[in-house]
Amino acid sequence: MRVLLVGQAAFAEKVLEGLLAAGHEIAAVVCPPDRGDKPDPVKAAAVARSIPVHQFKTLKGADARAAFEGAQADLGLLAYVTQIVPEPLLHVPRRATLCFHPSLLPKYRGGSAIPWQLIKGETRTGVTVFWPDAGIDTGPILLQREAAVGPDDTAGSLYYQTLFPLGVQTCVDAVALVAAGDPPRVSQDDLLATYDPLLADEHAAIDWGRPAAELHDLIRGCDPSPGAHTTFGSTTLRLFEPRRTTETASAAPGTVLSIAADGIRIATARGVVLCKRLRATAAKAAAAEVAAAIGLAPAMRLGAANST
């Protein structure tokens, strides 16, 4: 198969390598403009193999259309795409275009699928390769694969350790299904669909009056970005790397119970939150280090007007 690969970062790079190893031809790579002096990994991989690379700030212009048409591809593949791809471009390749998504569609449509799965407490996840259309993650499904969510997985660890390798292999296998002829097109059930907004700071605020289990899921869903946050006086404090605990506490919600080598323990309305790392005015670091730097100690309260 002659594939037009549209994507970016290490994920698209590994998909490119997987497709070549499977015997497919990469007609061209389309990726966003470089940021800084270092080229995007998929661009670097393509250039090293003398594969044409096209970079556009937007895919809505005539230049992008010309690049898609000039590739003369059998199939398009969107592998980690953050730019809007106009629906007409999806039909330029001879056998249309596939798209990767890091959830079990139709659940968790949207650009922040991984964080929201954790925030909402999912214990199963997966990846989908589908035939995109004019909607947002709404096209027919070609291939899906499931995976487990670890109890302390963060958005970062779930992606890099589970969904990244699973997604790369699923993309390669999906292209093989198209090459074999008569690939599946299973319509999504819109009655089962969910859609969440792009995760932002407004979604990451910690309310210590919620149960520890819910806050654990919020913190790990917002790790590494934007970082679930609370306040300590006038300082915004972000929490990372939570660990599940069955501990209980009678202190007021938001009270720091202890700060030790294994992290900071904080009382909630029901249970205790334990986090290994914090970030305040400087870089993310061990909880004890950050607490010492900002004067945070046991018995003090977070998220309260008076933090003592």
C-alpha atoms as a PDB file:
ATOM      1  CA  MET A   1       0.000   0.000   0.000  1.00  0.00           C
ATOM      2  CA  ARG A   2       1.105   3.514  -0.787  1.00  0.00           C
ATOM      3  CA  VAL A   3       0.273   5.492   2.360  1.00  0.00           C
ATOM      4  CA  LEU A   4       0.064   9.246   2.970  1.00  0.00           C
ATOM      5  CA  LEU A   5       0.998   9.633   6.643  1.00  0.00           C
ATOM      6  CA  VAL A   6      -0.391  12.686   8.434  1.00  0.00           C
ATOM      7  CA  GLY A   7       0.762  13.149  12.013  1.00  0.00           C
ATOM      8  CA  GLN A   8       3.464  14.261  14.370  1.00  0.00           C
ATOM      9  CA  ALA A   9       5.749  13.389  17.262  1.00  0.00           C
ATOM     10  CA  ALA A  10       7.139  10.018  18.270  1.00  0.00           C
ATOM     11  CA  PHE A  11       3.830   8.230  17.686  1.00  0.00           C
ATOM     12  CA  ALA A  12       3.738   9.078  13.981  1.00  0.00           C
ATOM     13  CA  GLU A  13       7.445   8.267  13.743  1.00  0.00           C
ATOM     14  CA  LYS A  14       6.884   4.752  15.080  1.00  0.00           C
ATOM     15  CA  VAL A  15       3.864   4.262  12.816  1.00  0.00           C
ATOM     16  CA  LEU A  16       6.042   5.240   9.856  1.00  0.00           C
ATOM     17  CA  GLU A  17       8.673   2.712  10.897  1.00  0.00           C
ATOM     18  CA  GLY A  18       6.033   0.021  11.426  1.00  0.00           C
ATOM     19  CA  LEU A  19       4.457   0.562   8.020  1.00  0.00           C
ATOM     20  CA  LEU A  20       7.809   0.401   6.269  1.00  0.00           C
ATOM     21  CA  ALA A  21       8.736  -2.771   8.155  1.00  0.00           C
ATOM     22  CA  ALA A  22       5.423  -4.301   7.036  1.00  0.00           C
ATOM     23  CA  GLY A  23       6.326  -3.636   3.403  1.00  0.00           C
ATOM     24  CA  HIS A  24       4.200  -0.560   2.741  1.00  0.00           C
ATOM     25  CA  GLU A  25       5.399   2.565   0.944  1.00  0.00           C
ATOM     26  CA  ILE A  26       5.136   6.003   2.541  1.00  0.00           C
ATOM     27  CA  ALA A  27       4.111   8.340  -0.268  1.00  0.00           C
ATOM     28  CA  ALA A  28       4.692  11.459   1.832  1.00  0.00           C
ATOM     29  CA  VAL A  29       4.529  12.789   5.384  1.00  0.00           C
ATOM     30  CA  VAL A  30       2.408  15.790   6.374  1.00  0.00           C
ATOM     31  CA  CYS A  31       3.166  17.361   9.763  1.00  0.00           C
ATOM     32  CA  PRO A  32       2.969  20.785  11.459  1.00  0.00           C
ATOM     33  CA  PRO A  33       5.842  23.298  11.197  1.00  0.00           C
ATOM     34  CA  ASP A  34       8.855  22.682  13.447  1.00  0.00           C
ATOM     35  CA  ARG A  35       8.946  24.286  16.869  1.00  0.00           C
ATOM     36  CA  GLY A  36      12.403  25.566  17.616  1.00  0.00           C
ATOM     37  CA  ASP A  37      15.560  24.132  16.118  1.00  0.00           C
ATOM     38  CA  LYS A  38      14.737  20.453  16.563  1.00  0.00           C
ATOM     39  CA  PRO A  39      12.644  18.855  13.790  1.00  0.00           C
ATOM     40  CA  ASP A  40       9.567  16.827  14.580  1.00  0.00           C
ATOM     41  CA  PRO A  41      10.500  13.118  15.023  1.00  0.00           C
ATOM     42  CA  VAL A  42       8.310  11.982  12.127  1.00  0.00           C
ATOM     43  CA  LYS A  43       9.846  14.616   9.887  1.00  0.00           C
ATOM     44  CA  ALA A  44      13.352  13.532  10.846  1.00  0.00           C
ATOM     45  CA  ALA A  45      12.481   9.880  10.193  1.00  0.00           C
ATOM     46  CA  ALA A  46      11.040  10.740   6.775  1.00  0.00           C
ATOM     47  CA  VAL A  47      13.958  12.943   5.728  1.00  0.00           C
ATOM     48  CA  ALA A  48      16.430  10.216   6.729  1.00  0.00           C
ATOM     49  CA  ARG A  49      14.623   7.895   4.305  1.00  0.00           C
ATOM     50  CA  SER A  50      14.220  10.476   1.495  1.00  0.00           C
ATOM     51  CA  ILE A  51      10.430  10.529   1.951  1.00  0.00           C
ATOM     52  CA  PRO A  52       8.787  13.829   0.900  1.00  0.00           C
ATOM     53  CA  VAL A  53       7.706  15.998   3.847  1.00  0.00           C
ATOM     54  CA  HIS A  54       5.076  18.755   3.747  1.00  0.00           C
ATOM     55  CA  GLN A  55       4.556  21.139   6.656  1.00  0.00           C
ATOM     56  CA  PHE A  56       1.613  23.500   6.929  1.00  0.00           C
ATOM     57  CA  LYS A  57       0.329  25.833   9.626  1.00  0.00           C
ATOM     58  CA  THR A  58      -3.155  24.873   8.466  1.00  0.00           C
ATOM     59  CA  LEU A  59      -4.486  22.121   6.250  1.00  0.00           C
ATOM     60  CA  LYS A  60      -7.298  24.304   4.947  1.00  0.00           C
ATOM     61  CA  GLY A  61      -5.324  25.925   2.121  1.00  0.00           C
ATOM     62  CA  ALA A  62      -4.809  25.037  -1.532  1.00  0.00           C
ATOM     63  CA  ASP A  63      -1.175  24.092  -0.816  1.00  0.00           C
ATOM     64  CA  ALA A  64      -2.294  21.315   1.527  1.00  0.00           C
ATOM     65  CA  ARG A  65      -4.778  20.065  -1.043  1.00  0.00           C
ATOM     66  CA  ALA A  66      -2.031  19.990  -3.652  1.00  0.00           C
ATOM     67  CA  ALA A  67       0.231  17.988  -1.329  1.00  0.00           C
ATOM     68  CA  PHE A  68      -2.477  15.419  -0.665  1.00  0.00           C
ATOM     69  CA  GLU A  69      -3.222  15.056  -4.362  1.00  0.00           C
ATOM     70  CA  GLY A  70       0.446  14.992  -5.336  1.00  0.00           C
ATOM     71  CA  ALA A  71       1.135  12.051  -3.025  1.00  0.00           C
ATOM     72  CA  GLN A  72      -1.037   9.812  -5.220  1.00  0.00           C
ATOM     73  CA  ALA A  73      -1.628   7.604  -2.208  1.00  0.00           C
ATOM     74  CA  ASP A  74      -3.756   4.499  -1.941  1.00  0.00           C
ATOM     75  CA  LEU A  75      -4.614   5.298   1.655  1.00  0.00           C
ATOM     76  CA  GLY A  76      -4.327   8.182   4.082  1.00  0.00           C
ATOM     77  CA  LEU A  77      -3.548   7.603   7.765  1.00  0.00           C
ATOM     78  CA  LEU A  78      -3.971  10.212  10.513  1.00  0.00           C
ATOM     79  CA  ALA A  79      -1.575   9.207  13.283  1.00  0.00           C
ATOM     80  CA  TYR A  80      -1.676  11.711  16.174  1.00  0.00           C
ATOM     81  CA  VAL A  81      -3.043  14.749  14.357  1.00  0.00           C
ATOM     82  CA  THR A  82      -3.757  17.986  16.229  1.00  0.00           C
ATOM     83  CA  GLN A  83      -4.606  20.073  13.182  1.00  0.00           C
ATOM     84  CA  ILE A  84      -8.092  20.137  11.666  1.00  0.00           C
ATOM     85  CA  VAL A  85      -8.173  18.028   8.511  1.00  0.00           C
ATOM     86  CA  PRO A  86     -10.902  19.328   6.150  1.00  0.00           C
ATOM     87  CA  GLU A  87     -13.310  16.548   5.245  1.00  0.00           C
ATOM     88  CA  PRO A  88     -12.667  16.773   1.458  1.00  0.00           C
ATOM     89  CA  LEU A  89      -8.985  15.912   2.012  1.00  0.00           C
ATOM     90  CA  LEU A  90      -9.988  12.612   3.620  1.00  0.00           C
ATOM     91  CA  HIS A  91     -11.252  11.394   0.254  1.00  0.00           C
ATOM     92  CA  VAL A  92      -8.210  12.350  -1.819  1.00  0.00           C
ATOM     93  CA  PRO A  93      -6.348   9.023  -1.311  1.00  0.00           C
ATOM     94  CA  ARG A  94      -7.737   6.298  -3.579  1.00  0.00           C
ATOM     95  CA  ARG A  95      -9.120   4.231  -0.695  1.00  0.00           C
ATOM     96  CA  ALA A  96      -9.920   7.169   1.599  1.00  0.00           C
ATOM     97  CA  THR A  97      -8.322   7.789   5.021  1.00  0.00           C
ATOM     98  CA  LEU A  98      -8.002   6.120   8.411  1.00  0.00           C
ATOM     99  CA  CYS A  99      -7.630   7.852  11.791  1.00  0.00           C
ATOM    100  CA  PHE A 100      -6.227   6.719  15.140  1.00  0.00           C
ATOM    101  CA  HIS A 101      -7.998   7.596  18.396  1.00  0.00           C
ATOM    102  CA  PRO A 102      -6.938   6.640  21.968  1.00  0.00           C
ATOM    103  CA  SER A 103     -10.257   5.374  23.305  1.00  0.00           C
ATOM    104  CA  LEU A 104     -12.872   2.743  22.585  1.00  0.00           C
ATOM    105  CA  LEU A 105     -15.130   4.827  20.387  1.00  0.00           C
ATOM    106  CA  PRO A 106     -17.876   5.938  20.510  1.00  0.00           C
ATOM    107  CA  LYS A 107     -16.940   6.664  24.142  1.00  0.00           C
ATOM    108  CA  TYR A 108     -14.576   9.534  24.836  1.00  0.00           C
ATOM    109  CA  ARG A 109     -14.632  11.401  21.583  1.00  0.00           C
ATOM    110  CA  GLY A 110     -12.544  14.577  21.544  1.00  0.00           C
ATOM    111  CA  GLY A 111      -8.978  15.732  21.886  1.00  0.00           C
ATOM    112  CA  SER A 112      -8.461  14.889  25.587  1.00  0.00           C
ATOM    113  CA  ALA A 113      -9.710  11.317  25.566  1.00  0.00           C
ATOM    114  CA  ILE A 114      -6.941   9.846  27.711  1.00  0.00           C
ATOM    115  CA  PRO A 115      -7.205  12.271  30.678  1.00  0.00           C
ATOM    116  CA  TRP A 116     -10.985  12.083  30.822  1.00  0.00           C
ATOM    117  CA  GLN A 117     -10.976   8.284  30.920  1.00  0.00           C
ATOM    118  CA  LEU A 118      -8.870   8.465  34.071  1.00  0.00           C
ATOM    119  CA  ILE A 119     -10.781  11.354  35.623  1.00  0.00           C
ATOM    120  CA  LYS A 120     -13.996   9.369  35.222  1.00  0.00           C
ATOM    121  CA  GLY A 121     -12.507   6.259  36.784  1.00  0.00           C
ATOM    122  CA  GLU A 122     -12.390   3.886  33.830  1.00  0.00           C
ATOM    123  CA  THR A 123     -10.635   0.575  34.457  1.00  0.00           C
ATOM    124  CA  ARG A 124     -10.625  -0.469  30.789  1.00  0.00           C
ATOM    125  CA  THR A 125      -9.359   1.553  27.860  1.00  0.00           C
ATOM    126  CA  GLY A 126      -8.236   0.901  24.323  1.00  0.00           C
ATOM    127  CA  VAL A 127      -7.578   2.299  20.881  1.00  0.00           C
ATOM    128  CA  THR A 128      -9.652   2.687  17.734  1.00  0.00           C
ATOM    129  CA  VAL A 129      -8.748   3.061  14.079  1.00  0.00           C
ATOM    130  CA  PHE A 130     -11.753   4.406  12.188  1.00  0.00           C
ATOM    131  CA  TRP A 131     -12.811   5.973   8.887  1.00  0.00           C
ATOM    132  CA  PRO A 132     -13.106   9.704   9.713  1.00  0.00           C
ATOM    133  CA  ASP A 133     -15.911  11.816   8.309  1.00  0.00           C
ATOM    134  CA  ALA A 134     -17.073  15.418   8.776  1.00  0.00           C
ATOM    135  CA  GLY A 135     -17.845  14.858  12.485  1.00  0.00           C
ATOM    136  CA  ILE A 136     -15.558  14.679  15.508  1.00  0.00           C
ATOM    137  CA  ASP A 137     -14.456  11.044  15.895  1.00  0.00           C
ATOM    138  CA  THR A 138     -17.754   9.879  14.429  1.00  0.00           C
ATOM    139  CA  GLY A 139     -16.836   7.718  11.418  1.00  0.00           C
ATOM    140  CA  PRO A 140     -17.233   3.930  11.023  1.00  0.00           C
ATOM    141  CA  ILE A 141     -14.833   1.734  12.995  1.00  0.00           C
ATOM    142  CA  LEU A 142     -12.264  -0.454  11.269  1.00  0.00           C
ATOM    143  CA  LEU A 143     -10.378  -1.927  14.237  1.00  0.00           C
ATOM    144  CA  GLN A 144     -10.410  -1.686  18.047  1.00  0.00           C
ATOM    145  CA  ARG A 145      -8.245  -3.197  20.765  1.00  0.00           C
ATOM    146  CA  GLU A 146      -8.742  -3.082  24.543  1.00  0.00           C
ATOM    147  CA  ALA A 147      -6.291  -2.662  27.407  1.00  0.00           C
ATOM    148  CA  ALA A 148      -6.389  -2.413  31.191  1.00  0.00           C
ATOM    149  CA  VAL A 149      -5.954   0.816  33.145  1.00  0.00           C
ATOM    150  CA  GLY A 150      -3.573   0.440  36.089  1.00  0.00           C
ATOM    151  CA  PRO A 151      -4.828   1.664  39.494  1.00  0.00           C
ATOM    152  CA  ASP A 152      -2.177   4.398  39.640  1.00  0.00           C
ATOM    153  CA  ASP A 153      -1.801   5.068  35.913  1.00  0.00           C
ATOM    154  CA  THR A 154      -1.483   8.733  35.009  1.00  0.00           C
ATOM    155  CA  ALA A 155      -2.386  10.190  31.627  1.00  0.00           C
ATOM    156  CA  GLY A 156       1.315  10.124  30.848  1.00  0.00           C
ATOM    157  CA  SER A 157       2.018   6.547  31.913  1.00  0.00           C
ATOM    158  CA  LEU A 158      -1.162   5.192  30.321  1.00  0.00           C
ATOM    159  CA  TYR A 159      -0.239   6.754  27.014  1.00  0.00           C
ATOM    160  CA  TYR A 160       3.448   5.948  26.843  1.00  0.00           C
ATOM    161  CA  GLN A 161       3.384   2.498  28.447  1.00  0.00           C
ATOM    162  CA  THR A 162       0.084   1.146  27.088  1.00  0.00           C
ATOM    163  CA  LEU A 163      -1.742   3.125  24.415  1.00  0.00           C
ATOM    164  CA  PHE A 164       1.336   4.245  22.468  1.00  0.00           C
ATOM    165  CA  PRO A 165       2.657   0.750  21.626  1.00  0.00           C
ATOM    166  CA  LEU A 166      -0.843  -0.693  21.284  1.00  0.00           C
ATOM    167  CA  GLY A 167      -1.846   2.174  18.997  1.00  0.00           C
ATOM    168  CA  VAL A 168       1.191   1.887  16.738  1.00  0.00           C
ATOM    169  CA  GLN A 169       0.602  -1.832  16.188  1.00  0.00           C
ATOM    170  CA  THR A 170      -3.127  -1.295  15.669  1.00  0.00           C
ATOM    171  CA  CYS A 171      -2.440   1.336  12.992  1.00  0.00           C
ATOM    172  CA  VAL A 172      -0.111  -1.043  11.169  1.00  0.00           C
ATOM    173  CA  ASP A 173      -2.641  -3.873  11.424  1.00  0.00           C
ATOM    174  CA  ALA A 174      -5.444  -1.609  10.211  1.00  0.00           C
ATOM    175  CA  VAL A 175      -3.517  -0.732   7.060  1.00  0.00           C
ATOM    176  CA  ALA A 176      -2.964  -4.456   6.486  1.00  0.00           C
ATOM    177  CA  LEU A 177      -6.727  -5.022   6.669  1.00  0.00           C
ATOM    178  CA  VAL A 178      -7.286  -2.381   4.003  1.00  0.00           C
ATOM    179  CA  ALA A 179      -4.567  -3.884   1.824  1.00  0.00           C
ATOM    180  CA  ALA A 180      -6.191  -7.323   2.139  1.00  0.00           C
ATOM    181  CA  GLY A 181      -9.447  -5.988   0.694  1.00  0.00           C
ATOM    182  CA  ASP A 182     -13.007  -5.476   2.016  1.00  0.00           C
ATOM    183  CA  PRO A 183     -11.997  -3.856   5.355  1.00  0.00           C
ATOM    184  CA  PRO A 184     -14.659  -3.451   8.080  1.00  0.00           C
ATOM    185  CA  ARG A 185     -16.787  -0.314   8.409  1.00  0.00           C
ATOM    186  CA  VAL A 186     -18.800  -0.700  11.604  1.00  0.00           C
ATOM    187  CA  SER A 187     -21.069   2.265  12.319  1.00  0.00           C
ATOM    188  CA  GLN A 188     -20.695   3.851  15.735  1.00  0.00           C
ATOM    189  CA  ASP A 189     -23.713   3.795  18.025  1.00  0.00           C
ATOM    190  CA  ASP A 190     -24.326   7.455  18.781  1.00  0.00           C
ATOM    191  CA  LEU A 191     -26.534   6.482  21.719  1.00  0.00           C
ATOM    192  CA  LEU A 192     -23.374   5.261  23.470  1.00  0.00           C
ATOM    193  CA  ALA A 193     -21.254   8.235  22.471  1.00  0.00           C
ATOM    194  CA  THR A 194     -19.612  10.587  24.957  1.00  0.00           C
ATOM    195  CA  TYR A 195     -17.693  13.758  24.232  1.00  0.00           C
ATOM    196  CA  ASP A 196     -15.508  15.759  26.581  1.00  0.00           C
ATOM    197  CA  PRO A 197     -13.882  19.169  26.091  1.00  0.00           C
ATOM    198  CA  LEU A 198     -10.168  19.740  25.810  1.00  0.00           C
ATOM    199  CA  LEU A 199      -8.785  19.414  29.331  1.00  0.00           C
ATOM    200  CA  ALA A 200      -7.924  22.815  30.765  1.00  0.00           C
ATOM    201  CA  ASP A 201      -6.954  24.385  34.084  1.00  0.00           C
ATOM    202  CA  GLU A 202     -10.596  25.052  34.876  1.00  0.00           C
ATOM    203  CA  HIS A 203     -11.213  21.292  34.981  1.00  0.00           C
ATOM    204  CA  ALA A 204      -8.158  20.611  37.159  1.00  0.00           C
ATOM    205  CA  ALA A 205      -9.138  22.478  40.339  1.00  0.00           C
ATOM    206  CA  ILE A 206      -9.177  20.290  43.467  1.00  0.00           C
ATOM    207  CA  ASP A 207     -12.151  20.422  45.831  1.00  0.00           C
ATOM    208  CA  TRP A 208     -10.980  18.726  49.040  1.00  0.00           C
ATOM    209  CA  GLY A 209     -14.614  18.176  49.973  1.00  0.00           C
ATOM    210  CA  ARG A 210     -14.800  15.362  47.420  1.00  0.00           C
ATOM    211  CA  PRO A 211     -13.930  11.719  48.251  1.00  0.00           C
ATOM    212  CA  ALA A 212     -10.316  10.622  47.963  1.00  0.00           C
ATOM    213  CA  ALA A 213     -11.067   8.144  45.153  1.00  0.00           C
ATOM    214  CA  GLU A 214     -12.473  10.915  42.939  1.00  0.00           C
ATOM    215  CA  LEU A 215      -9.557  13.232  43.673  1.00  0.00           C
ATOM    216  CA  HIS A 216      -7.063  10.441  42.989  1.00  0.00           C
ATOM    217  CA  ASP A 217      -8.616  10.040  39.532  1.00  0.00           C
ATOM    218  CA  LEU A 218      -8.621  13.796  38.918  1.00  0.00           C
ATOM    219  CA  ILE A 219      -4.957  14.151  39.869  1.00  0.00           C
ATOM    220  CA  ARG A 220      -3.774  11.264  37.706  1.00  0.00           C
ATOM    221  CA  GLY A 221      -5.909  12.374  34.779  1.00  0.00           C
ATOM    222  CA  CYS A 222      -4.285  15.811  34.913  1.00  0.00           C
ATOM    223  CA  ASP A 223      -0.752  14.374  35.170  1.00  0.00           C
ATOM    224  CA  PRO A 224       1.432  15.542  33.467  1.00  0.00           C
ATOM    225  CA  SER A 225      -0.675  18.430  32.126  1.00  0.00           C
ATOM    226  CA  PRO A 226      -2.113  20.750  33.253  1.00  0.00           C
ATOM    227  CA  GLY A 227      -1.553  19.387  36.763  1.00  0.00           C
ATOM    228  CA  ALA A 228      -4.430  19.223  39.257  1.00  0.00           C
ATOM    229  CA  HIS A 229      -4.152  22.277  41.476  1.00  0.00           C
ATOM    230  CA  THR A 230      -5.012  23.651  44.886  1.00  0.00           C
ATOM    231  CA  THR A 231      -3.802  26.670  46.834  1.00  0.00           C
ATOM    232  CA  PHE A 232      -1.499  27.235  49.774  1.00  0.00           C
ATOM    233  CA  GLY A 233      -1.976  30.826  50.756  1.00  0.00           C
ATOM    234  CA  SER A 234      -1.291  32.793  47.564  1.00  0.00           C
ATOM    235  CA  THR A 235       0.660  29.912  45.981  1.00  0.00           C
ATOM    236  CA  THR A 236      -0.848  27.617  43.369  1.00  0.00           C
ATOM    237  CA  LEU A 237       0.231  24.088  44.200  1.00  0.00           C
ATOM    238  CA  ARG A 238      -0.003  21.267  41.641  1.00  0.00           C
ATOM    239  CA  LEU A 239      -0.059  17.593  42.588  1.00  0.00           C
ATOM    240  CA  PHE A 240       1.367  14.647  40.638  1.00  0.00           C
ATOM    241  CA  GLU A 241       1.923  10.886  40.838  1.00  0.00           C
ATOM    242  CA  PRO A 242      -0.913   9.925  43.187  1.00  0.00           C
ATOM    243  CA  ARG A 243      -0.963   6.522  44.845  1.00  0.00           C
ATOM    244  CA  ARG A 244      -4.096   4.745  46.013  1.00  0.00           C
ATOM    245  CA  THR A 245      -4.510   4.401  49.747  1.00  0.00           C
ATOM    246  CA  THR A 246      -7.173   3.004  52.035  1.00  0.00           C
ATOM    247  CA  GLU A 247      -6.197   5.310  54.880  1.00  0.00           C
ATOM    248  CA  THR A 248      -8.804   7.344  56.744  1.00  0.00           C
ATOM    249  CA  ALA A 249      -8.542  10.674  58.541  1.00  0.00           C
ATOM    250  CA  SER A 250     -10.711  12.754  60.863  1.00  0.00           C
ATOM    251  CA  ALA A 251      -9.031  16.061  60.004  1.00  0.00           C
ATOM    252  CA  ALA A 252     -10.746  18.794  58.009  1.00  0.00           C
ATOM    253  CA  PRO A 253     -10.628  18.303  54.216  1.00  0.00           C
ATOM    254  CA  GLY A 254      -7.425  19.755  52.781  1.00  0.00           C
ATOM    255  CA  THR A 255      -5.406  19.256  55.963  1.00  0.00           C
ATOM    256  CA  VAL A 256      -1.862  18.026  55.432  1.00  0.00           C
ATOM    257  CA  LEU A 257      -1.488  14.880  57.521  1.00  0.00           C
ATOM    258  CA  SER A 258       2.145  14.074  56.823  1.00  0.00           C
ATOM    259  CA  ILE A 259       5.046  14.824  54.480  1.00  0.00           C
ATOM    260  CA  ALA A 260       7.564  12.031  54.074  1.00  0.00           C
ATOM    261  CA  ALA A 261       9.853  10.356  51.567  1.00  0.00           C
ATOM    262  CA  ASP A 262       6.916   8.549  49.943  1.00  0.00           C
ATOM    263  CA  GLY A 263       4.917  11.750  49.462  1.00  0.00           C
ATOM    264  CA  ILE A 264       2.379  14.079  50.994  1.00  0.00           C
ATOM    265  CA  ARG A 265      -0.832  12.846  52.618  1.00  0.00           C
ATOM    266  CA  ILE A 266      -3.861  15.111  52.585  1.00  0.00           C
ATOM    267  CA  ALA A 267      -7.263  14.604  54.190  1.00  0.00           C
ATOM    268  CA  THR A 268     -10.393  14.681  52.037  1.00  0.00           C
ATOM    269  CA  ALA A 269     -14.098  14.459  52.834  1.00  0.00           C
ATOM    270  CA  ARG A 270     -13.696  10.695  52.748  1.00  0.00           C
ATOM    271  CA  GLY A 271     -10.244   9.145  52.803  1.00  0.00           C
ATOM    272  CA  VAL A 272      -6.715  10.355  52.180  1.00  0.00           C
ATOM    273  CA  VAL A 273      -4.901  11.457  49.031  1.00  0.00           C
ATOM    274  CA  LEU A 274      -1.215  10.537  48.708  1.00  0.00           C
ATOM    275  CA  CYS A 275       0.948  12.245  46.080  1.00  0.00           C
ATOM    276  CA  LYS A 276       4.640  11.699  45.473  1.00  0.00           C
ATOM    277  CA  ARG A 277       5.442  14.959  43.687  1.00  0.00           C
ATOM    278  CA  LEU A 278       4.398  18.606  43.754  1.00  0.00           C
ATOM    279  CA  ARG A 279       5.026  21.755  41.765  1.00  0.00           C
ATOM    280  CA  ALA A 280       4.757  25.314  43.067  1.00  0.00           C
ATOM    281  CA  THR A 281       6.878  28.194  41.839  1.00  0.00           C
ATOM    282  CA  ALA A 282       9.653  26.028  40.395  1.00  0.00           C
ATOM    283  CA  ALA A 283       9.923  22.661  38.650  1.00  0.00           C
ATOM    284  CA  LYS A 284       8.070  19.507  39.695  1.00  0.00           C
ATOM    285  CA  ALA A 285       9.960  17.726  42.500  1.00  0.00           C
ATOM    286  CA  ALA A 286       9.556  15.364  45.433  1.00  0.00           C
ATOM    287  CA  ALA A 287       6.728  16.451  47.730  1.00  0.00           C
ATOM    288  CA  ALA A 288       9.014  16.963  50.733  1.00  0.00           C
ATOM    289  CA  GLU A 289      11.357  19.190  48.717  1.00  0.00           C
ATOM    290  CA  VAL A 290       8.592  21.423  47.393  1.00  0.00           C
ATOM    291  CA  ALA A 291       6.855  21.600  50.779  1.00  0.00           C
ATOM    292  CA  ALA A 292      10.066  22.744  52.453  1.00  0.00           C
ATOM    293  CA  ALA A 293      10.602  25.408  49.802  1.00  0.00           C
ATOM    294  CA  ILE A 294       7.163  26.984  50.331  1.00  0.00           C
ATOM    295  CA  GLY A 295       6.885  26.437  54.087  1.00  0.00           C
ATOM    296  CA  LEU A 296       4.185  23.782  53.945  1.00  0.00           C
ATOM    297  CA  ALA A 297       4.036  21.490  56.990  1.00  0.00           C
ATOM    298  CA  PRO A 298       1.696  18.936  58.592  1.00  0.00           C
ATOM    299  CA  ALA A 299      -1.499  20.327  60.162  1.00  0.00           C
ATOM    300  CA  MET A 300      -1.639  23.151  57.608  1.00  0.00           C
ATOM    301  CA  ARG A 301      -4.585  23.299  55.213  1.00  0.00           C
ATOM    302  CA  LEU A 302      -4.669  23.487  51.464  1.00  0.00           C
ATOM    303  CA  GLY A 303      -7.364  25.243  49.499  1.00  0.00           C
ATOM    304  CA  ALA A 304      -8.419  27.410  52.428  1.00  0.00           C
ATOM    305  CA  ALA A 305      -8.278  31.171  52.822  1.00  0.00           C
ATOM    306  CA  ASN A 306      -6.177  30.651  55.952  1.00  0.00           C
ATOM    307  CA  SER A 307      -3.607  27.912  55.238  1.00  0.00           C
ATOM    308  CA  THR A 308      -2.573  27.360  58.841  1.00  0.00           C
END
